Amino acid sequence: LSGALCYGELGAMFPRAGGEYVFLRESFGKGVAFLSGWISLVVG
């Protein structure tokens, strides 16, 4: 529930396809965002 509340803020700010990849690209840049997307591909 805590995570959903936080992602609600991020989703409203960046309403685009990609979820965590988009959120981390905006906060930490493409490198960290790529790792998140990679995790999503294999693990998520």
PDB file of all heavy atoms in Angstrom:
ATOM      1  N   LEU A   1       0.830  -1.201   0.000  1.00  0.00           N
ATOM      2  CA  LEU A   1       0.000   0.000   0.000  1.00  0.00           C
ATOM      3  C   LEU A   1       0.865   1.251   0.000  1.00  0.00           C
ATOM      4  O   LEU A   1       0.574   2.229  -0.714  1.00  0.00           O
ATOM      5  CB  LEU A   1      -0.927  -0.012   1.214  1.00  0.00           C
ATOM      6  CG  LEU A   1      -1.930   1.138   1.314  1.00  0.00           C
ATOM      7  CD1 LEU A   1      -2.866   1.149   0.111  1.00  0.00           C
ATOM      8  CD2 LEU A   1      -2.736   1.029   2.607  1.00  0.00           C
ATOM      9  N   SER A   2       1.941   1.241   0.774  1.00  0.00           N
ATOM     10  CA  SER A   2       2.868   2.383   0.788  1.00  0.00           C
ATOM     11  C   SER A   2       3.473   2.593  -0.591  1.00  0.00           C
ATOM     12  O   SER A   2       3.574   3.732  -1.070  1.00  0.00           O
ATOM     13  CB  SER A   2       3.986   2.135   1.814  1.00  0.00           C
ATOM     14  OG  SER A   2       3.465   1.974   3.109  1.00  0.00           O
ATOM     15  N   GLY A   3       3.861   1.503  -1.225  1.00  0.00           N
ATOM     16  CA  GLY A   3       4.420   1.613  -2.574  1.00  0.00           C
ATOM     17  C   GLY A   3       3.398   2.133  -3.567  1.00  0.00           C
ATOM     18  O   GLY A   3       3.730   2.968  -4.421  1.00  0.00           O
ATOM     19  N   ALA A   4       2.143   1.679  -3.461  1.00  0.00           N
ATOM     20  CA  ALA A   4       1.100   2.132  -4.380  1.00  0.00           C
ATOM     21  C   ALA A   4       0.857   3.629  -4.241  1.00  0.00           C
ATOM     22  O   ALA A   4       0.646   4.335  -5.241  1.00  0.00           O
ATOM     23  CB  ALA A   4      -0.196   1.354  -4.127  1.00  0.00           C
ATOM     24  N   LEU A   5       0.880   4.135  -3.014  1.00  0.00           N
ATOM     25  CA  LEU A   5       0.686   5.573  -2.786  1.00  0.00           C
ATOM     26  C   LEU A   5       1.813   6.380  -3.431  1.00  0.00           C
ATOM     27  O   LEU A   5       1.579   7.442  -4.022  1.00  0.00           O
ATOM     28  CB  LEU A   5       0.613   5.858  -1.293  1.00  0.00           C
ATOM     29  CG  LEU A   5      -0.661   5.358  -0.581  1.00  0.00           C
ATOM     30  CD1 LEU A   5      -0.487   5.444   0.938  1.00  0.00           C
ATOM     31  CD2 LEU A   5      -1.875   6.170  -1.016  1.00  0.00           C
ATOM     32  N   CYS A   6       3.047   5.867  -3.323  1.00  0.00           N
ATOM     33  CA  CYS A   6       4.188   6.562  -3.924  1.00  0.00           C
ATOM     34  C   CYS A   6       4.136   6.493  -5.456  1.00  0.00           C
ATOM     35  O   CYS A   6       4.376   7.495  -6.139  1.00  0.00           O
ATOM     36  CB  CYS A   6       5.498   5.946  -3.419  1.00  0.00           C
ATOM     37  SG  CYS A   6       5.791   6.137  -1.648  1.00  0.00           S
ATOM     38  N   TYR A   7       3.817   5.340  -5.985  1.00  0.00           N
ATOM     39  CA  TYR A   7       3.733   5.192  -7.436  1.00  0.00           C
ATOM     40  C   TYR A   7       2.576   6.004  -8.003  1.00  0.00           C
ATOM     41  O   TYR A   7       2.592   6.391  -9.173  1.00  0.00           O
ATOM     42  CB  TYR A   7       3.566   3.723  -7.809  1.00  0.00           C
ATOM     43  CG  TYR A   7       4.864   2.953  -7.944  1.00  0.00           C
ATOM     44  CD1 TYR A   7       5.774   2.903  -6.898  1.00  0.00           C
ATOM     45  CD2 TYR A   7       5.176   2.284  -9.108  1.00  0.00           C
ATOM     46  CE1 TYR A   7       6.953   2.187  -7.004  1.00  0.00           C
ATOM     47  CE2 TYR A   7       6.356   1.559  -9.236  1.00  0.00           C
ATOM     48  CZ  TYR A   7       7.246   1.520  -8.178  1.00  0.00           C
ATOM     49  OH  TYR A   7       8.416   0.817  -8.293  1.00  0.00           O
ATOM     50  N   GLY A   8       1.545   6.259  -7.171  1.00  0.00           N
ATOM     51  CA  GLY A   8       0.453   7.110  -7.618  1.00  0.00           C
ATOM     52  C   GLY A   8       0.942   8.503  -7.963  1.00  0.00           C
ATOM     53  O   GLY A   8       0.523   9.100  -8.963  1.00  0.00           O
ATOM     54  N   GLU A   9       1.848   9.040  -7.142  1.00  0.00           N
ATOM     55  CA  GLU A   9       2.423  10.356  -7.427  1.00  0.00           C
ATOM     56  C   GLU A   9       3.246  10.317  -8.706  1.00  0.00           C
ATOM     57  O   GLU A   9       3.131  11.200  -9.570  1.00  0.00           O
ATOM     58  CB  GLU A   9       3.301  10.812  -6.257  1.00  0.00           C
ATOM     59  CG  GLU A   9       4.011  12.121  -6.510  1.00  0.00           C
ATOM     60  CD  GLU A   9       4.741  12.664  -5.289  1.00  0.00           C
ATOM     61  OE1 GLU A   9       4.252  12.471  -4.153  1.00  0.00           O
ATOM     62  OE2 GLU A   9       5.802  13.301  -5.472  1.00  0.00           O
ATOM     63  N   LEU A  10       4.081   9.290  -8.849  1.00  0.00           N
ATOM     64  CA  LEU A  10       4.931   9.183 -10.030  1.00  0.00           C
ATOM     65  C   LEU A  10       4.113   8.967 -11.295  1.00  0.00           C
ATOM     66  O   LEU A  10       4.397   9.540 -12.344  1.00  0.00           O
ATOM     67  CB  LEU A  10       5.923   8.029  -9.842  1.00  0.00           C
ATOM     68  CG  LEU A  10       7.011   8.266  -8.790  1.00  0.00           C
ATOM     69  CD1 LEU A  10       7.710   6.961  -8.441  1.00  0.00           C
ATOM     70  CD2 LEU A  10       8.022   9.294  -9.279  1.00  0.00           C
ATOM     71  N   GLY A  11       3.063   8.124 -11.191  1.00  0.00           N
ATOM     72  CA  GLY A  11       2.227   7.859 -12.356  1.00  0.00           C
ATOM     73  C   GLY A  11       1.472   9.085 -12.823  1.00  0.00           C
ATOM     74  O   GLY A  11       1.272   9.284 -14.028  1.00  0.00           O
ATOM     75  N   ALA A  12       1.043   9.919 -11.875  1.00  0.00           N
ATOM     76  CA  ALA A  12       0.353  11.154 -12.240  1.00  0.00           C
ATOM     77  C   ALA A  12       1.312  12.156 -12.875  1.00  0.00           C
ATOM     78  O   ALA A  12       0.931  12.935 -13.756  1.00  0.00           O
ATOM     79  CB  ALA A  12      -0.308  11.760 -11.007  1.00  0.00           C
ATOM     80  N   MET A  13       2.578  12.143 -12.440  1.00  0.00           N
ATOM     81  CA  MET A  13       3.582  13.047 -12.998  1.00  0.00           C
ATOM     82  C   MET A  13       4.015  12.626 -14.397  1.00  0.00           C
ATOM     83  O   MET A  13       4.203  13.457 -15.282  1.00  0.00           O
ATOM     84  CB  MET A  13       4.809  13.082 -12.077  1.00  0.00           C
ATOM     85  CG  MET A  13       4.587  13.747 -10.730  1.00  0.00           C
ATOM     86  SD  MET A  13       5.926  13.357  -9.576  1.00  0.00           S
ATOM     87  CE  MET A  13       7.319  14.145 -10.371  1.00  0.00           C
ATOM     88  N   PHE A  14       4.175  11.315 -14.588  1.00  0.00           N
ATOM     89  CA  PHE A  14       4.710  10.789 -15.842  1.00  0.00           C
ATOM     90  C   PHE A  14       3.766   9.727 -16.405  1.00  0.00           C
ATOM     91  O   PHE A  14       4.047   8.531 -16.336  1.00  0.00           O
ATOM     92  CB  PHE A  14       6.097  10.180 -15.614  1.00  0.00           C
ATOM     93  CG  PHE A  14       7.039  11.079 -14.857  1.00  0.00           C
ATOM     94  CD1 PHE A  14       7.583  10.653 -13.645  1.00  0.00           C
ATOM     95  CD2 PHE A  14       7.365  12.322 -15.331  1.00  0.00           C
ATOM     96  CE1 PHE A  14       8.445  11.467 -12.943  1.00  0.00           C
ATOM     97  CE2 PHE A  14       8.232  13.146 -14.636  1.00  0.00           C
ATOM     98  CZ  PHE A  14       8.778  12.724 -13.437  1.00  0.00           C
ATOM     99  N   PRO A  15       2.630  10.141 -16.968  1.00  0.00           N
ATOM    100  CA  PRO A  15       1.640   9.168 -17.449  1.00  0.00           C
ATOM    101  C   PRO A  15       1.997   8.609 -18.815  1.00  0.00           C
ATOM    102  O   PRO A  15       1.342   8.890 -19.823  1.00  0.00           O
ATOM    103  CB  PRO A  15       0.355  10.006 -17.497  1.00  0.00           C
ATOM    104  CG  PRO A  15       0.833  11.390 -17.794  1.00  0.00           C
ATOM    105  CD  PRO A  15       2.163  11.535 -17.102  1.00  0.00           C
ATOM    106  N   ARG A  16       3.046   7.809 -18.851  1.00  0.00           N
ATOM    107  CA  ARG A  16       3.520   7.263 -20.110  1.00  0.00           C
ATOM    108  C   ARG A  16       3.748   5.768 -19.974  1.00  0.00           C
ATOM    109  O   ARG A  16       3.889   5.233 -18.876  1.00  0.00           O
ATOM    110  CB  ARG A  16       4.826   7.945 -20.537  1.00  0.00           C
ATOM    111  CG  ARG A  16       4.708   9.448 -20.661  1.00  0.00           C
ATOM    112  CD  ARG A  16       6.038  10.088 -20.985  1.00  0.00           C
ATOM    113  NE  ARG A  16       6.527   9.699 -22.298  1.00  0.00           N
ATOM    114  CZ  ARG A  16       7.705  10.076 -22.777  1.00  0.00           C
ATOM    115  NH1 ARG A  16       8.507  10.837 -22.046  1.00  0.00           N
ATOM    116  NH2 ARG A  16       8.086   9.694 -23.974  1.00  0.00           N
ATOM    117  N   ALA A  17       3.813   5.066 -21.096  1.00  0.00           N
ATOM    118  CA  ALA A  17       4.093   3.633 -21.074  1.00  0.00           C
ATOM    119  C   ALA A  17       5.487   3.392 -20.514  1.00  0.00           C
ATOM    120  O   ALA A  17       6.436   4.108 -20.845  1.00  0.00           O
ATOM    121  CB  ALA A  17       3.993   3.056 -22.487  1.00  0.00           C
ATOM    122  N   GLY A  18       5.629   2.392 -19.647  1.00  0.00           N
ATOM    123  CA  GLY A  18       6.956   2.021 -19.162  1.00  0.00           C
ATOM    124  C   GLY A  18       7.093   1.911 -17.667  1.00  0.00           C
ATOM    125  O   GLY A  18       8.004   1.259 -17.170  1.00  0.00           O
ATOM    126  N   GLY A  19       6.228   2.573 -16.888  1.00  0.00           N
ATOM    127  CA  GLY A  19       6.257   2.435 -15.438  1.00  0.00           C
ATOM    128  C   GLY A  19       7.588   2.812 -14.815  1.00  0.00           C
ATOM    129  O   GLY A  19       8.085   3.932 -15.007  1.00  0.00           O
ATOM    130  N   GLU A  20       8.193   1.880 -14.085  1.00  0.00           N
ATOM    131  CA  GLU A  20       9.420   2.165 -13.349  1.00  0.00           C
ATOM    132  C   GLU A  20      10.533   2.659 -14.260  1.00  0.00           C
ATOM    133  O   GLU A  20      11.363   3.483 -13.846  1.00  0.00           O
ATOM    134  CB  GLU A  20       9.884   0.911 -12.600  1.00  0.00           C
ATOM    135  CG  GLU A  20       9.033   0.602 -11.380  1.00  0.00           C
ATOM    136  CD  GLU A  20       9.293  -0.789 -10.843  1.00  0.00           C
ATOM    137  OE1 GLU A  20       9.969  -1.570 -11.528  1.00  0.00           O
ATOM    138  OE2 GLU A  20       8.798  -1.101  -9.752  1.00  0.00           O
ATOM    139  N   TYR A  21      10.591   2.149 -15.475  1.00  0.00           N
ATOM    140  CA  TYR A  21      11.627   2.616 -16.400  1.00  0.00           C
ATOM    141  C   TYR A  21      11.535   4.123 -16.594  1.00  0.00           C
ATOM    142  O   TYR A  21      12.538   4.838 -16.513  1.00  0.00           O
ATOM    143  CB  TYR A  21      11.517   1.896 -17.749  1.00  0.00           C
ATOM    144  CG  TYR A  21      12.424   2.513 -18.781  1.00  0.00           C
ATOM    145  CD1 TYR A  21      13.790   2.263 -18.753  1.00  0.00           C
ATOM    146  CD2 TYR A  21      11.928   3.409 -19.725  1.00  0.00           C
ATOM    147  CE1 TYR A  21      14.633   2.874 -19.664  1.00  0.00           C
ATOM    148  CE2 TYR A  21      12.764   4.018 -20.636  1.00  0.00           C
ATOM    149  CZ  TYR A  21      14.114   3.744 -20.608  1.00  0.00           C
ATOM    150  OH  TYR A  21      14.958   4.361 -21.491  1.00  0.00           O
ATOM    151  N   VAL A  22      10.330   4.629 -16.843  1.00  0.00           N
ATOM    152  CA  VAL A  22      10.133   6.071 -17.038  1.00  0.00           C
ATOM    153  C   VAL A  22      10.428   6.823 -15.746  1.00  0.00           C
ATOM    154  O   VAL A  22      11.108   7.860 -15.752  1.00  0.00           O
ATOM    155  CB  VAL A  22       8.691   6.350 -17.514  1.00  0.00           C
ATOM    156  CG1 VAL A  22       8.421   7.853 -17.538  1.00  0.00           C
ATOM    157  CG2 VAL A  22       8.464   5.755 -18.897  1.00  0.00           C
ATOM    158  N   PHE A  23       9.957   6.325 -14.609  1.00  0.00           N
ATOM    159  CA  PHE A  23      10.147   7.014 -13.333  1.00  0.00           C
ATOM    160  C   PHE A  23      11.631   7.154 -13.006  1.00  0.00           C
ATOM    161  O   PHE A  23      12.100   8.225 -12.596  1.00  0.00           O
ATOM    162  CB  PHE A  23       9.446   6.254 -12.206  1.00  0.00           C
ATOM    163  CG  PHE A  23       7.972   6.023 -12.429  1.00  0.00           C
ATOM    164  CD1 PHE A  23       7.317   4.985 -11.782  1.00  0.00           C
ATOM    165  CD2 PHE A  23       7.235   6.824 -13.287  1.00  0.00           C
ATOM    166  CE1 PHE A  23       5.972   4.752 -11.981  1.00  0.00           C
ATOM    167  CE2 PHE A  23       5.877   6.610 -13.501  1.00  0.00           C
ATOM    168  CZ  PHE A  23       5.247   5.566 -12.845  1.00  0.00           C
ATOM    169  N   LEU A  24      12.391   6.071 -13.197  1.00  0.00           N
ATOM    170  CA  LEU A  24      13.816   6.110 -12.861  1.00  0.00           C
ATOM    171  C   LEU A  24      14.619   6.903 -13.883  1.00  0.00           C
ATOM    172  O   LEU A  24      15.636   7.515 -13.544  1.00  0.00           O
ATOM    173  CB  LEU A  24      14.356   4.677 -12.754  1.00  0.00           C
ATOM    174  CG  LEU A  24      13.944   3.951 -11.475  1.00  0.00           C
ATOM    175  CD1 LEU A  24      14.285   2.475 -11.547  1.00  0.00           C
ATOM    176  CD2 LEU A  24      14.612   4.579 -10.258  1.00  0.00           C
ATOM    177  N   ARG A  25      14.172   6.937 -15.120  1.00  0.00           N
ATOM    178  CA  ARG A  25      14.858   7.774 -16.103  1.00  0.00           C
ATOM    179  C   ARG A  25      14.758   9.236 -15.717  1.00  0.00           C
ATOM    180  O   ARG A  25      15.711  10.009 -15.850  1.00  0.00           O
ATOM    181  CB  ARG A  25      14.241   7.551 -17.490  1.00  0.00           C
ATOM    182  CG  ARG A  25      15.005   8.277 -18.614  1.00  0.00           C
ATOM    183  CD  ARG A  25      14.229   8.227 -19.900  1.00  0.00           C
ATOM    184  NE  ARG A  25      12.991   8.976 -19.784  1.00  0.00           N
ATOM    185  CZ  ARG A  25      11.948   8.786 -20.587  1.00  0.00           C
ATOM    186  NH1 ARG A  25      11.981   7.862 -21.519  1.00  0.00           N
ATOM    187  NH2 ARG A  25      10.859   9.524 -20.430  1.00  0.00           N
ATOM    188  N   GLU A  26      13.586   9.628 -15.197  1.00  0.00           N
ATOM    189  CA  GLU A  26      13.394  11.024 -14.815  1.00  0.00           C
ATOM    190  C   GLU A  26      14.141  11.377 -13.528  1.00  0.00           C
ATOM    191  O   GLU A  26      14.557  12.521 -13.347  1.00  0.00           O
ATOM    192  CB  GLU A  26      11.899  11.308 -14.632  1.00  0.00           C
ATOM    193  CG  GLU A  26      11.047  11.083 -15.875  1.00  0.00           C
ATOM    194  CD  GLU A  26      11.469  11.959 -17.039  1.00  0.00           C
ATOM    195  OE1 GLU A  26      11.921  13.101 -16.798  1.00  0.00           O
ATOM    196  OE2 GLU A  26      11.361  11.515 -18.192  1.00  0.00           O
ATOM    197  N   SER A  27      14.321  10.410 -12.642  1.00  0.00           N
ATOM    198  CA  SER A  27      14.962  10.715 -11.358  1.00  0.00           C
ATOM    199  C   SER A  27      16.457  10.437 -11.344  1.00  0.00           C
ATOM    200  O   SER A  27      17.219  11.150 -10.674  1.00  0.00           O
ATOM    201  CB  SER A  27      14.287   9.924 -10.227  1.00  0.00           C
ATOM    202  OG  SER A  27      14.316   8.542 -10.484  1.00  0.00           O
ATOM    203  N   PHE A  28      16.913   9.420 -12.069  1.00  0.00           N
ATOM    204  CA  PHE A  28      18.332   9.042 -12.004  1.00  0.00           C
ATOM    205  C   PHE A  28      19.024   8.968 -13.361  1.00  0.00           C
ATOM    206  O   PHE A  28      20.231   8.763 -13.417  1.00  0.00           O
ATOM    207  CB  PHE A  28      18.481   7.680 -11.314  1.00  0.00           C
ATOM    208  CG  PHE A  28      18.183   7.708  -9.841  1.00  0.00           C
ATOM    209  CD1 PHE A  28      17.045   7.088  -9.344  1.00  0.00           C
ATOM    210  CD2 PHE A  28      19.032   8.343  -8.951  1.00  0.00           C
ATOM    211  CE1 PHE A  28      16.764   7.105  -7.992  1.00  0.00           C
ATOM    212  CE2 PHE A  28      18.758   8.365  -7.595  1.00  0.00           C
ATOM    213  CZ  PHE A  28      17.626   7.740  -7.104  1.00  0.00           C
ATOM    214  N   GLY A  29      18.293   9.089 -14.458  1.00  0.00           N
ATOM    215  CA  GLY A  29      18.916   9.025 -15.767  1.00  0.00           C
ATOM    216  C   GLY A  29      18.741   7.675 -16.437  1.00  0.00           C
ATOM    217  O   GLY A  29      18.221   6.718 -15.862  1.00  0.00           O
ATOM    218  N   LYS A  30      19.217   7.599 -17.679  1.00  0.00           N
ATOM    219  CA  LYS A  30      18.966   6.422 -18.504  1.00  0.00           C
ATOM    220  C   LYS A  30      19.654   5.153 -18.006  1.00  0.00           C
ATOM    221  O   LYS A  30      19.140   4.053 -18.178  1.00  0.00           O
ATOM    222  CB  LYS A  30      19.403   6.691 -19.940  1.00  0.00           C
ATOM    223  CG  LYS A  30      18.375   7.446 -20.767  1.00  0.00           C
ATOM    224  CD  LYS A  30      18.806   7.453 -22.223  1.00  0.00           C
ATOM    225  CE  LYS A  30      17.739   8.098 -23.099  1.00  0.00           C
ATOM    226  NZ  LYS A  30      18.121   8.105 -24.522  1.00  0.00           N
ATOM    227  N   GLY A  31      20.840   5.292 -17.405  1.00  0.00           N
ATOM    228  CA  GLY A  31      21.568   4.106 -16.962  1.00  0.00           C
ATOM    229  C   GLY A  31      20.797   3.310 -15.929  1.00  0.00           C
ATOM    230  O   GLY A  31      20.586   2.099 -16.075  1.00  0.00           O
ATOM    231  N   VAL A  32      20.371   3.990 -14.874  1.00  0.00           N
ATOM    232  CA  VAL A  32      19.598   3.317 -13.821  1.00  0.00           C
ATOM    233  C   VAL A  32      18.256   2.861 -14.366  1.00  0.00           C
ATOM    234  O   VAL A  32      17.764   1.780 -14.024  1.00  0.00           O
ATOM    235  CB  VAL A  32      19.403   4.274 -12.617  1.00  0.00           C
ATOM    236  CG1 VAL A  32      18.516   3.624 -11.560  1.00  0.00           C
ATOM    237  CG2 VAL A  32      20.755   4.640 -12.019  1.00  0.00           C
ATOM    238  N   ALA A  33      17.649   3.678 -15.241  1.00  0.00           N
ATOM    239  CA  ALA A  33      16.367   3.302 -15.829  1.00  0.00           C
ATOM    240  C   ALA A  33      16.500   2.012 -16.637  1.00  0.00           C
ATOM    241  O   ALA A  33      15.638   1.132 -16.581  1.00  0.00           O
ATOM    242  CB  ALA A  33      15.842   4.428 -16.715  1.00  0.00           C
ATOM    243  N   PHE A  34      17.593   1.899 -17.383  1.00  0.00           N
ATOM    244  CA  PHE A  34      17.804   0.682 -18.162  1.00  0.00           C
ATOM    245  C   PHE A  34      17.865  -0.542 -17.262  1.00  0.00           C
ATOM    246  O   PHE A  34      17.282  -1.598 -17.583  1.00  0.00           O
ATOM    247  CB  PHE A  34      19.084   0.777 -18.987  1.00  0.00           C
ATOM    248  CG  PHE A  34      19.401  -0.493 -19.728  1.00  0.00           C
ATOM    249  CD1 PHE A  34      18.857  -0.728 -20.983  1.00  0.00           C
ATOM    250  CD2 PHE A  34      20.209  -1.466 -19.157  1.00  0.00           C
ATOM    251  CE1 PHE A  34      19.126  -1.906 -21.658  1.00  0.00           C
ATOM    252  CE2 PHE A  34      20.479  -2.649 -19.829  1.00  0.00           C
ATOM    253  CZ  PHE A  34      19.937  -2.873 -21.076  1.00  0.00           C
ATOM    254  N   LEU A  35      18.580  -0.437 -16.147  1.00  0.00           N
ATOM    255  CA  LEU A  35      18.679  -1.579 -15.233  1.00  0.00           C
ATOM    256  C   LEU A  35      17.305  -1.978 -14.708  1.00  0.00           C
ATOM    257  O   LEU A  35      16.999  -3.160 -14.547  1.00  0.00           O
ATOM    258  CB  LEU A  35      19.625  -1.250 -14.074  1.00  0.00           C
ATOM    259  CG  LEU A  35      21.106  -1.115 -14.439  1.00  0.00           C
ATOM    260  CD1 LEU A  35      21.926  -0.782 -13.201  1.00  0.00           C
ATOM    261  CD2 LEU A  35      21.626  -2.395 -15.092  1.00  0.00           C
ATOM    262  N   SER A  36      16.474  -0.978 -14.436  1.00  0.00           N
ATOM    263  CA  SER A  36      15.103  -1.277 -14.006  1.00  0.00           C
ATOM    264  C   SER A  36      14.335  -1.993 -15.105  1.00  0.00           C
ATOM    265  O   SER A  36      13.609  -2.970 -14.843  1.00  0.00           O
ATOM    266  CB  SER A  36      14.380   0.018 -13.627  1.00  0.00           C
ATOM    267  OG  SER A  36      13.005  -0.220 -13.402  1.00  0.00           O
ATOM    268  N   GLY A  37      14.472  -1.510 -16.332  1.00  0.00           N
ATOM    269  CA  GLY A  37      13.802  -2.159 -17.448  1.00  0.00           C
ATOM    270  C   GLY A  37      14.321  -3.570 -17.681  1.00  0.00           C
ATOM    271  O   GLY A  37      13.554  -4.497 -17.997  1.00  0.00           O
ATOM    272  N   TRP A  38      15.610  -3.755 -17.490  1.00  0.00           N
ATOM    273  CA  TRP A  38      16.212  -5.080 -17.618  1.00  0.00           C
ATOM    274  C   TRP A  38      15.644  -6.028 -16.554  1.00  0.00           C
ATOM    275  O   TRP A  38      15.317  -7.176 -16.849  1.00  0.00           O
ATOM    276  CB  TRP A  38      17.722  -4.959 -17.479  1.00  0.00           C
ATOM    277  CG  TRP A  38      18.463  -6.258 -17.507  1.00  0.00           C
ATOM    278  CD1 TRP A  38      18.891  -6.986 -16.430  1.00  0.00           C
ATOM    279  CD2 TRP A  38      18.876  -6.980 -18.666  1.00  0.00           C
ATOM    280  NE1 TRP A  38      19.537  -8.118 -16.843  1.00  0.00           N
ATOM    281  CE2 TRP A  38      19.547  -8.145 -18.209  1.00  0.00           C
ATOM    282  CE3 TRP A  38      18.731  -6.770 -20.040  1.00  0.00           C
ATOM    283  CZ2 TRP A  38      20.085  -9.081 -19.089  1.00  0.00           C
ATOM    284  CZ3 TRP A  38      19.274  -7.705 -20.910  1.00  0.00           C
ATOM    285  CH2 TRP A  38      19.937  -8.841 -20.431  1.00  0.00           C
ATOM    286  N   ILE A  39      15.525  -5.527 -15.332  1.00  0.00           N
ATOM    287  CA  ILE A  39      14.928  -6.322 -14.251  1.00  0.00           C
ATOM    288  C   ILE A  39      13.487  -6.676 -14.609  1.00  0.00           C
ATOM    289  O   ILE A  39      13.027  -7.804 -14.389  1.00  0.00           O
ATOM    290  CB  ILE A  39      14.992  -5.567 -12.910  1.00  0.00           C
ATOM    291  CG1 ILE A  39      16.446  -5.481 -12.429  1.00  0.00           C
ATOM    292  CG2 ILE A  39      14.128  -6.236 -11.847  1.00  0.00           C
ATOM    293  CD1 ILE A  39      16.644  -4.570 -11.234  1.00  0.00           C
ATOM    294  N   SER A  40      12.760  -5.699 -15.160  1.00  0.00           N
ATOM    295  CA  SER A  40      11.377  -5.969 -15.556  1.00  0.00           C
ATOM    296  C   SER A  40      11.312  -7.066 -16.613  1.00  0.00           C
ATOM    297  O   SER A  40      10.455  -7.954 -16.556  1.00  0.00           O
ATOM    298  CB  SER A  40      10.716  -4.695 -16.095  1.00  0.00           C
ATOM    299  OG  SER A  40      10.519  -3.763 -15.071  1.00  0.00           O
ATOM    300  N   LEU A  41      12.225  -6.999 -17.571  1.00  0.00           N
ATOM    301  CA  LEU A  41      12.223  -7.975 -18.655  1.00  0.00           C
ATOM    302  C   LEU A  41      12.434  -9.389 -18.131  1.00  0.00           C
ATOM    303  O   LEU A  41      11.676 -10.310 -18.455  1.00  0.00           O
ATOM    304  CB  LEU A  41      13.310  -7.619 -19.678  1.00  0.00           C
ATOM    305  CG  LEU A  41      13.545  -8.626 -20.812  1.00  0.00           C
ATOM    306  CD1 LEU A  41      12.301  -8.788 -21.648  1.00  0.00           C
ATOM    307  CD2 LEU A  41      14.726  -8.184 -21.671  1.00  0.00           C
ATOM    308  N   VAL A  42      13.467  -9.568 -17.290  1.00  0.00           N
ATOM    309  CA  VAL A  42      13.834 -10.914 -16.844  1.00  0.00           C
ATOM    310  C   VAL A  42      13.051 -11.329 -15.606  1.00  0.00           C
ATOM    311  O   VAL A  42      12.505 -12.428 -15.533  1.00  0.00           O
ATOM    312  CB  VAL A  42      15.355 -10.992 -16.571  1.00  0.00           C
ATOM    313  CG1 VAL A  42      15.738 -12.397 -16.118  1.00  0.00           C
ATOM    314  CG2 VAL A  42      16.142 -10.594 -17.812  1.00  0.00           C
ATOM    315  N   VAL A  43      12.995 -10.431 -14.605  1.00  0.00           N
ATOM    316  CA  VAL A  43      12.478 -10.793 -13.290  1.00  0.00           C
ATOM    317  C   VAL A  43      11.058 -10.287 -13.065  1.00  0.00           C
ATOM    318  O   VAL A  43      10.225 -10.971 -12.474  1.00  0.00           O
ATOM    319  CB  VAL A  43      13.398 -10.243 -12.175  1.00  0.00           C
ATOM    320  CG1 VAL A  43      12.948 -10.754 -10.816  1.00  0.00           C
ATOM    321  CG2 VAL A  43      14.844 -10.624 -12.432  1.00  0.00           C
ATOM    322  N   GLY A  44      10.776  -9.071 -13.514  1.00  0.00           N
ATOM    323  CA  GLY A  44       9.490  -8.467 -13.195  1.00  0.00           C
ATOM    324  C   GLY A  44       8.325  -9.108 -13.912  1.00  0.00           C
ATOM    325  O   GLY A  44       7.215  -9.161 -13.378  1.00  0.00           O
TER     326      GLY A  44
END
